[in-house]
Amino acid sequence: MAWNIRMISTYPPRRCGIGTFCRDLSNALSQFTGEIGHIRVAAIDNNHGPYNIPVDLVIDQHNPVSWQQVTKEIISRAKESNNPTAIVLQHEFGLDVDEQGRGDGFGCNFINMAKACTDNGLTCLVYLHTVLEKPSDRQRQTLMDLAEYSDGLIVTTESAIDILESPAYGISHFKLKHIDHGVRMHHQTQFDRFTLKTELGINDIFLATTLGLLSPGKGVQYSIRAYGQFVRESCTPAQREHIVYLIGGQCHPEFVKAEDGKFYREFMNEIDAALEEADVTWCRATSLEGIDWNKNDIVFLDMFLDESTLLKFYGATNVMILPYLNTEQISSGILADTIGSGRVAISTKFRYALELIYSNKTCPPGVTIGRFARGILVDPGDAAVKQIAQALDYMVFEKEKRLRMEKQAHQRGYQMRWANSAWAMVQYIDFVSEEKEITTGRGMKFLREKESKLMLKPKRAPR
């Protein structure tokens, strides 16, 4: 039996991390031709089309009627197919808006779609891209409803399962599944650093990078100051010519447009202030052509990084800096691909970083080398300035230790290949489908009528 997969998600050309995730997962699933029939996507759209296959349906993100119409079409097509259909919702609060356009838990479009699909006998799974430890009442209820009206919730971190099982949500463990965030690169021969640096014209440069769509929450206003402190305190003028911090990527389009650009202008003022405090030389470029890498401490590559360019920078980088401010973030494609590329991250202590770099153990304050030495963790915000500078000092001047850390990162990343994550999802679809078909036997059912000293109360092992 082969499954048809129906994704509900953003999708390229929309510039969105969840859309990239959906595309990569879909591509990986398509390799299992014996288990997967066809893969189709209902794209959550905000004037970013046109789309190509596998997108065959488009949802107007801000129109509840559009969600309802597409839901009916999905159910109709599933019933007409000879193969069973598994519905996979890629949930993010910001994508689910109510009739007033409010996100962050106010919408109920994902819930309504999940309920309609399960009511019509379809297998329905939900990828949760945000799980908050301290949710609002609406956010809590949204995830609880998604658990009730779907066959399972998928998360990319074990810590998210702990949160969802906690009293904050009280969701049954049997409704939760951890599947690694996939990575695109895993063979070191595919991205020999020297070859890629030669291609980029930076073979004599130690390259620190921050990649991806920018916004205040990415924290580069702090890493810029950190980098300035590092090169002033630790490097000679001659050494500075061979060390560069590349900040690659544009500001998120939705952020640029918000409030007629008010927040964007405020953010750019923060960046300017950080550059002034850092006392660095810098330039802003819209392409790789003509950049003088030896004369600039920081290079802003103000362009959307396509797949090919991203992969080159993952391979060419010596250290990835992730100064994110949201410590509850449970997923990061940039961190996943950094580890998958066998590269070392300097990261703030957000949940996904704690899991990949520190294995969810209690992490002490300050600069901390991961338990398996595959990265360095720092505190977020103002504290990150000195701590990132210290971590850079270690990475630059302790080459042998950095290379050993890269091997440790590569070992973990190899387990996270998209093929492995996609196969885990195929198995999970089979599992929840079989669970729905299991019927209880006809034996007597006993109800507890008295308290007993023998009642077992399982204890969770300490993390």
Protein backbone atom coordinates (compact mmCIF):
# COMPACT_ATOMS: atom_id res chain seq x y z
CA MET A 1 0.00 0.00 0.00
CA ALA A 2 1.39 3.38 -1.03
CA TRP A 3 0.38 6.59 0.71
CA ASN A 4 -0.48 9.84 -0.99
CA ILE A 5 0.86 12.74 1.08
CA ARG A 6 -0.98 16.05 1.28
CA MET A 7 1.02 18.88 2.88
CA ILE A 8 -0.55 22.12 4.06
CA SER A 9 2.27 24.64 4.32
CA THR A 10 3.95 27.67 2.90
CA TYR A 11 6.12 26.76 -0.08
CA PRO A 12 8.76 28.36 -2.34
CA PRO A 13 8.91 30.84 -3.96
CA ARG A 14 7.53 32.25 -0.70
CA ARG A 15 10.59 33.08 1.41
CA CYS A 16 9.80 31.24 4.58
CA GLY A 17 11.72 28.70 6.65
CA ILE A 18 8.65 26.46 6.95
CA GLY A 19 8.23 26.50 3.18
CA THR A 20 11.84 25.39 2.76
CA PHE A 21 11.27 22.67 5.36
CA CYS A 22 8.19 21.44 3.50
CA ARG A 23 10.03 21.39 0.17
CA ASP A 24 12.97 19.42 1.57
CA LEU A 25 10.71 16.95 3.36
CA SER A 26 8.62 16.48 0.21
CA ASN A 27 11.72 15.85 -1.90
CA ALA A 28 13.00 13.29 0.59
CA LEU A 29 9.65 11.49 0.78
CA SER A 30 9.48 11.27 -3.01
CA GLN A 31 12.50 8.93 -2.98
CA PHE A 32 10.44 6.19 -1.30
CA THR A 33 8.59 5.17 -4.44
CA GLY A 34 7.35 1.91 -2.97
CA GLU A 35 5.75 3.55 0.07
CA ILE A 36 4.69 6.92 -1.35
CA GLY A 37 2.26 7.45 -4.21
CA HIS A 38 2.24 11.15 -4.96
CA ILE A 39 2.98 14.25 -2.88
CA ARG A 40 0.90 17.39 -3.21
CA VAL A 41 0.98 20.71 -1.38
CA ALA A 42 -1.77 23.17 -0.55
CA ALA A 43 0.31 26.34 -0.34
CA ILE A 44 -0.58 28.94 2.31
CA ASP A 45 -0.20 32.03 0.18
CA ASN A 46 0.22 35.73 0.85
CA ASN A 47 0.71 36.98 -2.73
CA HIS A 48 3.94 35.03 -3.26
CA GLY A 49 2.96 32.81 -6.21
CA PRO A 50 2.87 31.51 -8.86
CA TYR A 51 3.64 27.93 -7.81
CA ASN A 52 4.66 24.76 -9.57
CA ILE A 53 4.08 21.07 -8.77
CA PRO A 54 3.87 19.69 -6.11
CA VAL A 55 1.68 22.71 -5.29
CA ASP A 56 -1.76 22.11 -6.79
CA LEU A 57 -3.97 24.07 -4.38
CA VAL A 58 -3.52 27.57 -2.97
CA ILE A 59 -4.95 28.92 0.29
CA ASP A 60 -5.38 32.66 0.78
CA GLN A 61 -3.77 32.93 4.20
CA HIS A 62 -6.01 35.78 5.38
CA ASN A 63 -9.30 34.40 4.07
CA PRO A 64 -11.06 31.77 6.25
CA VAL A 65 -13.42 30.96 3.37
CA SER A 66 -10.41 30.00 1.24
CA TRP A 67 -9.25 27.62 3.99
CA GLN A 68 -12.72 26.03 4.07
CA GLN A 69 -12.91 25.64 0.30
CA VAL A 70 -9.46 24.06 0.04
CA THR A 71 -10.28 21.72 2.93
CA LYS A 72 -13.33 20.45 1.07
CA GLU A 73 -11.26 20.00 -2.08
CA ILE A 74 -8.56 18.05 -0.20
CA ILE A 75 -11.15 15.69 1.28
CA SER A 76 -12.87 15.23 -2.07
CA ARG A 77 -9.64 14.37 -3.87
CA ALA A 78 -8.58 11.99 -1.12
CA LYS A 79 -11.85 10.07 -1.39
CA GLU A 80 -11.44 9.76 -5.15
CA SER A 81 -7.91 8.31 -4.92
CA ASN A 82 -7.15 4.60 -4.95
CA ASN A 83 -4.34 5.21 -2.43
CA PRO A 84 -4.99 6.29 1.16
CA THR A 85 -4.10 9.93 1.87
CA ALA A 86 -2.15 11.22 4.86
CA ILE A 87 -2.68 14.91 5.66
CA VAL A 88 0.37 16.72 7.09
CA LEU A 89 -0.24 20.20 8.51
CA GLN A 90 2.82 22.41 9.00
CA HIS A 91 1.58 24.52 11.90
CA GLU A 92 2.97 27.89 12.89
CA PHE A 93 0.94 30.42 14.91
CA GLY A 94 1.87 33.31 12.62
CA LEU A 95 0.38 31.55 9.58
CA ASP A 96 -2.99 30.99 11.25
CA VAL A 97 -4.87 34.29 11.36
CA ASP A 98 -8.44 35.04 12.36
CA GLU A 99 -10.90 37.19 10.43
CA GLN A 100 -9.32 40.33 11.91
CA GLY A 101 -5.90 39.26 10.66
CA ARG A 102 -4.54 38.44 14.12
CA GLY A 103 -2.04 35.59 14.45
CA ASP A 104 -0.17 34.20 17.46
CA GLY A 105 -2.90 31.74 18.35
CA PHE A 106 -6.02 33.65 17.38
CA GLY A 107 -6.77 31.69 14.22
CA CYS A 108 -8.45 28.30 14.13
CA ASN A 109 -7.98 27.37 10.46
CA PHE A 110 -5.52 24.55 11.18
CA ILE A 111 -7.85 23.15 13.85
CA ASN A 112 -10.86 23.25 11.55
CA MET A 113 -8.91 21.54 8.78
CA ALA A 114 -7.61 18.80 11.09
CA LYS A 115 -11.09 18.13 12.46
CA ALA A 116 -12.67 17.98 9.00
CA CYS A 117 -10.01 15.56 7.75
CA THR A 118 -10.24 13.18 10.71
CA ASP A 119 -14.06 13.35 10.67
CA ASN A 120 -13.83 12.09 7.09
CA GLY A 121 -11.58 9.18 8.04
CA LEU A 122 -8.29 10.62 6.78
CA THR A 123 -5.03 10.15 8.66
CA CYS A 124 -3.95 13.61 9.85
CA LEU A 125 -0.60 14.59 11.38
CA VAL A 126 0.58 18.02 12.54
CA TYR A 127 4.16 19.27 12.52
CA LEU A 128 4.48 21.84 15.32
CA HIS A 129 7.09 24.46 14.46
CA THR A 130 6.57 26.43 17.69
CA VAL A 131 5.92 25.00 21.15
CA LEU A 132 5.87 27.59 23.92
CA GLU A 133 6.68 26.71 27.51
CA LYS A 134 4.50 29.59 28.73
CA PRO A 135 1.72 29.90 26.15
CA SER A 136 -1.22 32.27 26.24
CA ASP A 137 -4.60 30.65 26.88
CA ARG A 138 -5.38 30.78 23.15
CA GLN A 139 -2.03 29.29 22.17
CA ARG A 140 -2.40 26.48 24.72
CA GLN A 141 -5.92 25.68 23.54
CA THR A 142 -4.81 25.66 19.91
CA LEU A 143 -2.24 22.92 20.47
CA MET A 144 -4.58 20.95 22.70
CA ASP A 145 -7.27 21.09 19.97
CA LEU A 146 -4.75 20.05 17.32
CA ALA A 147 -3.85 17.06 19.48
CA GLU A 148 -7.51 16.13 19.89
CA TYR A 149 -8.46 16.45 16.23
CA SER A 150 -5.37 14.87 14.68
CA ASP A 151 -3.75 11.44 14.85
CA GLY A 152 -0.42 12.78 16.11
CA LEU A 153 1.78 15.81 16.69
CA ILE A 154 5.35 15.78 15.33
CA VAL A 155 8.13 17.91 16.85
CA THR A 156 11.81 18.20 16.00
CA THR A 157 13.08 18.24 19.61
CA GLU A 158 12.67 15.89 22.55
CA SER A 159 12.30 18.88 24.87
CA ALA A 160 9.14 19.91 23.03
CA ILE A 161 7.61 16.55 23.98
CA ASP A 162 8.42 17.27 27.63
CA ILE A 163 6.64 20.62 27.36
CA LEU A 164 3.57 19.17 25.65
CA GLU A 165 3.29 16.43 28.28
CA SER A 166 3.69 18.92 31.14
CA PRO A 167 0.72 20.45 33.02
CA ALA A 168 0.94 23.45 30.70
CA TYR A 169 -0.72 21.32 27.97
CA GLY A 170 -1.33 17.85 29.39
CA ILE A 171 -1.17 16.15 25.99
CA SER A 172 -0.80 12.37 26.05
CA HIS A 173 2.62 10.97 25.21
CA PHE A 174 0.91 8.60 22.77
CA LYS A 175 -0.06 11.58 20.60
CA LEU A 176 3.52 12.89 20.35
CA LYS A 177 6.39 11.95 18.05
CA HIS A 178 9.94 13.28 17.79
CA ILE A 179 11.52 13.25 14.32
CA ASP A 180 14.84 14.98 13.65
CA HIS A 181 14.87 18.14 11.54
CA GLY A 182 16.45 16.92 8.31
CA VAL A 183 19.71 18.22 6.89
CA ARG A 184 20.65 18.64 3.26
CA MET A 185 24.39 17.97 3.42
CA HIS A 186 26.14 15.01 4.99
CA HIS A 187 29.13 13.92 2.91
CA GLN A 188 32.20 16.01 3.61
CA THR A 189 33.57 15.27 0.14
CA GLN A 190 30.63 17.24 -1.27
CA PHE A 191 31.80 20.49 0.28
CA ASP A 192 35.56 20.54 0.62
CA ARG A 193 36.17 23.84 2.36
CA PHE A 194 39.32 24.80 0.47
CA THR A 195 37.68 24.19 -2.91
CA LEU A 196 34.60 26.21 -2.00
CA LYS A 197 36.64 29.06 -0.54
CA THR A 198 38.74 29.19 -3.70
CA GLU A 199 35.54 29.34 -5.76
CA LEU A 200 34.28 32.22 -3.60
CA GLY A 201 37.63 34.01 -3.65
CA ILE A 202 38.20 33.72 0.10
CA ASN A 203 40.71 30.88 0.44
CA ASP A 204 42.91 32.96 2.77
CA ILE A 205 39.98 34.00 4.99
CA PHE A 206 38.71 32.56 8.28
CA LEU A 207 34.97 32.86 7.69
CA ALA A 208 32.43 33.40 10.47
CA THR A 209 28.86 33.49 9.18
CA THR A 210 25.28 34.19 10.13
CA LEU A 211 22.87 33.06 7.43
CA GLY A 212 19.13 33.32 6.81
CA LEU A 213 16.33 35.86 6.79
CA LEU A 214 17.05 38.68 9.22
CA SER A 215 14.85 40.20 11.91
CA PRO A 216 15.48 41.65 15.39
CA GLY A 217 14.96 38.22 16.95
CA LYS A 218 17.98 36.83 15.08
CA GLY A 219 20.19 38.90 17.41
CA VAL A 220 22.82 40.12 14.92
CA GLN A 221 22.79 43.50 16.69
CA TYR A 222 24.63 41.65 19.48
CA SER A 223 26.92 39.45 17.37
CA ILE A 224 28.14 42.55 15.49
CA ARG A 225 29.29 44.13 18.75
CA ALA A 226 30.78 40.79 19.81
CA TYR A 227 32.76 40.52 16.60
CA GLY A 228 34.09 44.05 17.04
CA GLN A 229 35.24 43.23 20.55
CA PHE A 230 36.94 40.05 19.34
CA VAL A 231 38.97 41.63 16.53
CA ARG A 232 40.00 44.57 18.73
CA GLU A 233 41.06 42.47 21.71
CA SER A 234 42.45 39.33 20.08
CA CYS A 235 43.70 40.15 16.57
CA THR A 236 46.60 42.12 15.12
CA PRO A 237 45.88 44.44 12.15
CA ALA A 238 47.44 41.85 9.82
CA GLN A 239 45.26 39.06 11.24
CA ARG A 240 42.10 41.16 10.85
CA GLU A 241 42.68 41.15 7.09
CA HIS A 242 42.19 37.38 7.06
CA ILE A 243 39.12 37.09 9.30
CA VAL A 244 35.64 38.14 8.11
CA TYR A 245 32.15 38.00 9.57
CA LEU A 246 29.62 37.45 6.78
CA ILE A 247 25.98 38.25 7.55
CA GLY A 248 24.16 36.73 4.60
CA GLY A 249 20.50 37.23 3.84
CA GLN A 250 17.83 39.89 3.54
CA CYS A 251 15.37 41.00 6.16
CA HIS A 252 12.24 38.87 6.24
CA PRO A 253 9.79 40.36 3.68
CA GLU A 254 6.86 40.26 6.12
CA PHE A 255 8.96 42.12 8.70
CA VAL A 256 9.96 44.80 6.19
CA LYS A 257 6.31 45.51 5.34
CA ALA A 258 4.94 45.46 8.90
CA GLU A 259 3.54 48.79 10.14
CA ASP A 260 4.60 50.50 6.88
CA GLY A 261 8.24 49.70 7.57
CA LYS A 262 8.34 51.19 11.08
CA PHE A 263 9.87 48.12 12.74
CA TYR A 264 12.31 47.65 9.86
CA ARG A 265 13.60 51.22 10.20
CA GLU A 266 14.01 50.77 13.95
CA PHE A 267 15.94 47.55 13.39
CA MET A 268 18.27 49.15 10.85
CA ASN A 269 18.96 51.93 13.37
CA GLU A 270 19.92 49.22 15.87
CA ILE A 271 22.30 47.71 13.32
CA ASP A 272 23.89 51.11 12.64
CA ALA A 273 24.36 51.69 16.37
CA ALA A 274 25.93 48.23 16.76
CA LEU A 275 28.35 48.89 13.90
CA GLU A 276 29.38 52.20 15.41
CA GLU A 277 29.99 50.63 18.81
CA ALA A 278 31.87 47.71 17.23
CA ASP A 279 34.23 50.14 15.48
CA VAL A 280 34.68 47.86 12.47
CA THR A 281 35.11 48.33 8.76
CA TRP A 282 32.14 46.97 6.85
CA CYS A 283 30.38 46.95 3.51
CA ARG A 284 26.98 46.03 2.15
CA ALA A 285 26.80 44.08 -1.12
CA THR A 286 23.96 42.72 -3.22
CA SER A 287 26.12 40.08 -4.92
CA LEU A 288 29.40 38.28 -4.38
CA GLU A 289 31.07 40.24 -7.15
CA GLY A 290 33.53 42.94 -6.18
CA ILE A 291 33.65 42.36 -2.41
CA ASP A 292 37.03 43.26 -0.90
CA TRP A 293 37.17 40.58 1.77
CA ASN A 294 40.57 41.66 3.13
CA LYS A 295 39.56 45.26 3.84
CA ASN A 296 36.27 44.62 5.65
CA ASP A 297 35.70 43.13 9.08
CA ILE A 298 32.00 42.57 8.38
CA VAL A 299 30.27 41.96 5.05
CA PHE A 300 26.48 42.22 4.72
CA LEU A 301 25.37 40.17 1.74
CA ASP A 302 21.97 41.78 1.20
CA MET A 303 20.41 39.21 -1.09
CA PHE A 304 18.09 36.24 -0.87
CA LEU A 305 20.34 33.20 -0.59
CA ASP A 306 19.24 30.54 -3.04
CA GLU A 307 19.87 26.86 -2.41
CA SER A 308 23.17 26.73 -4.25
CA THR A 309 24.60 29.80 -2.50
CA LEU A 310 23.46 28.62 0.92
CA LEU A 311 25.12 25.24 0.49
CA LYS A 312 28.37 26.86 -0.61
CA PHE A 313 28.46 29.05 2.48
CA TYR A 314 27.71 26.12 4.79
CA GLY A 315 30.69 24.35 3.29
CA ALA A 316 33.00 27.39 3.26
CA THR A 317 32.29 28.60 6.79
CA ASN A 318 34.64 28.02 9.70
CA VAL A 319 32.11 28.87 12.38
CA MET A 320 28.39 29.66 12.29
CA ILE A 321 27.10 32.30 14.73
CA LEU A 322 23.45 32.00 15.81
CA PRO A 323 22.76 34.81 18.32
CA TYR A 324 18.99 34.15 18.45
CA LEU A 325 17.00 35.86 21.19
CA ASN A 326 14.01 33.51 21.45
CA THR A 327 15.14 30.83 23.88
CA GLU A 328 11.94 28.81 23.30
CA GLN A 329 12.71 28.19 19.62
CA ILE A 330 12.37 24.45 19.02
CA SER A 331 13.61 24.29 15.45
CA SER A 332 16.24 25.91 13.25
CA GLY A 333 17.05 24.83 9.73
CA ILE A 334 20.26 26.89 9.86
CA LEU A 335 21.54 25.08 12.96
CA ALA A 336 20.44 21.70 11.60
CA ASP A 337 22.29 22.27 8.33
CA THR A 338 25.33 23.63 10.18
CA ILE A 339 25.60 20.41 12.18
CA GLY A 340 24.81 18.36 9.08
CA SER A 341 27.60 20.10 7.20
CA GLY A 342 30.10 19.18 9.90
CA ARG A 343 30.53 22.79 10.92
CA VAL A 344 30.70 24.26 14.43
CA ALA A 345 28.10 26.66 15.80
CA ILE A 346 28.41 29.42 18.36
CA SER A 347 24.80 29.63 19.47
CA THR A 348 22.66 31.18 22.15
CA LYS A 349 20.91 28.70 24.43
CA PHE A 350 17.62 28.30 22.64
CA ARG A 351 15.86 24.94 22.97
CA TYR A 352 16.94 23.41 19.70
CA ALA A 353 20.56 24.40 20.28
CA LEU A 354 20.47 22.94 23.79
CA GLU A 355 19.23 19.67 22.33
CA LEU A 356 21.74 19.39 19.49
CA ILE A 357 24.74 20.81 21.32
CA TYR A 358 24.09 20.02 24.98
CA SER A 359 21.72 17.03 24.81
CA ASN A 360 19.05 18.71 26.94
CA LYS A 361 21.06 18.56 30.14
CA THR A 362 20.99 21.53 32.50
CA CYS A 363 23.32 24.05 30.93
CA PRO A 364 25.33 26.37 33.21
CA PRO A 365 25.37 30.12 32.58
CA GLY A 366 28.11 31.69 30.51
CA VAL A 367 30.21 30.29 27.69
CA THR A 368 29.74 26.52 27.59
CA ILE A 369 31.25 23.94 25.27
CA GLY A 370 28.66 21.32 24.36
CA ARG A 371 28.71 17.99 26.15
CA PHE A 372 29.71 16.24 22.94
CA ALA A 373 31.92 19.16 21.85
CA ARG A 374 30.00 19.94 18.66
CA GLY A 375 29.46 23.64 19.40
CA ILE A 376 29.68 26.46 21.94
CA LEU A 377 26.67 27.86 23.79
CA VAL A 378 26.29 31.43 25.06
CA ASP A 379 23.63 33.40 26.88
CA PRO A 380 21.33 35.61 24.76
CA GLY A 381 21.13 39.41 24.58
CA ASP A 382 23.68 41.76 26.11
CA ALA A 383 25.49 38.87 27.82
CA ALA A 384 26.18 37.37 24.40
CA VAL A 385 28.48 40.22 23.36
CA LYS A 386 31.47 39.26 25.51
CA GLN A 387 30.63 35.55 25.39
CA ILE A 388 30.51 35.34 21.57
CA ALA A 389 33.81 37.28 21.48
CA GLN A 390 35.33 34.70 23.84
CA ALA A 391 33.95 31.82 21.75
CA LEU A 392 35.37 33.34 18.56
CA ASP A 393 38.76 33.70 20.24
CA TYR A 394 38.64 29.98 21.06
CA MET A 395 37.53 28.93 17.57
CA VAL A 396 40.09 31.04 15.74
CA PHE A 397 43.16 30.30 17.85
CA GLU A 398 42.44 26.68 18.86
CA LYS A 399 42.33 25.14 15.39
CA GLU A 400 42.89 21.52 16.39
CA LYS A 401 40.10 21.67 18.97
CA ARG A 402 37.79 23.30 16.43
CA LEU A 403 38.48 20.56 13.87
CA ARG A 404 37.71 17.90 16.48
CA MET A 405 34.44 19.68 17.20
CA GLU A 406 33.63 19.60 13.49
CA LYS A 407 34.02 15.80 13.48
CA GLN A 408 31.64 15.55 16.41
CA ALA A 409 29.12 17.77 14.63
CA HIS A 410 29.39 15.72 11.45
CA GLN A 411 28.74 12.49 13.35
CA ARG A 412 25.45 13.86 14.73
CA GLY A 413 24.50 15.45 11.43
CA TYR A 414 24.87 12.16 9.58
CA GLN A 415 21.98 10.80 11.64
CA MET A 416 19.83 13.76 10.59
CA ARG A 417 19.81 13.23 6.84
CA TRP A 418 16.50 14.12 5.23
CA ALA A 419 16.18 10.53 4.04
CA ASN A 420 16.22 9.34 7.66
CA SER A 421 13.67 11.94 8.77
CA ALA A 422 11.39 11.19 5.82
CA TRP A 423 11.57 7.44 6.49
CA ALA A 424 10.72 8.02 10.16
CA MET A 425 7.65 9.92 9.02
CA VAL A 426 6.60 7.12 6.64
CA GLN A 427 6.86 4.66 9.52
CA TYR A 428 4.88 6.98 11.80
CA ILE A 429 2.08 7.29 9.24
CA ASP A 430 1.89 3.49 9.07
CA PHE A 431 1.89 3.27 12.87
CA VAL A 432 -0.95 5.73 13.50
CA SER A 433 -2.95 4.15 10.66
CA GLU A 434 -2.63 0.72 12.24
CA GLU A 435 -3.50 2.11 15.67
CA LYS A 436 -6.80 3.40 14.29
CA GLU A 437 -7.66 -0.10 13.07
CA ILE A 438 -6.95 -1.85 16.38
CA THR A 439 -10.10 -2.81 18.23
CA THR A 440 -10.26 -3.85 21.85
CA GLY A 441 -11.09 -7.46 22.76
CA ARG A 442 -14.28 -8.60 24.44
CA GLY A 443 -12.74 -9.34 27.83
CA MET A 444 -14.10 -7.77 30.97
CA LYS A 445 -13.13 -4.17 31.71
CA PHE A 446 -12.31 -3.52 35.35
CA LEU A 447 -12.92 -0.12 36.93
CA ARG A 448 -10.99 0.81 40.05
CA GLU A 449 -13.35 0.73 43.03
CA LYS A 450 -10.86 0.98 45.90
CA GLU A 451 -7.54 2.61 46.59
CA SER A 452 -4.56 0.27 46.64
CA LYS A 453 -1.03 0.54 47.95
CA LEU A 454 0.03 -1.31 44.84
CA MET A 455 -0.95 1.51 42.48
CA LEU A 456 2.06 2.24 40.30
CA LYS A 457 2.96 5.90 39.81
CA PRO A 458 5.72 6.05 37.19
CA LYS A 459 8.38 8.69 37.69
CA ARG A 460 10.03 10.53 34.84
CA ALA A 461 13.76 10.05 34.69
CA PRO A 462 15.70 13.27 35.43
CA ARG A 463 17.07 15.00 32.35
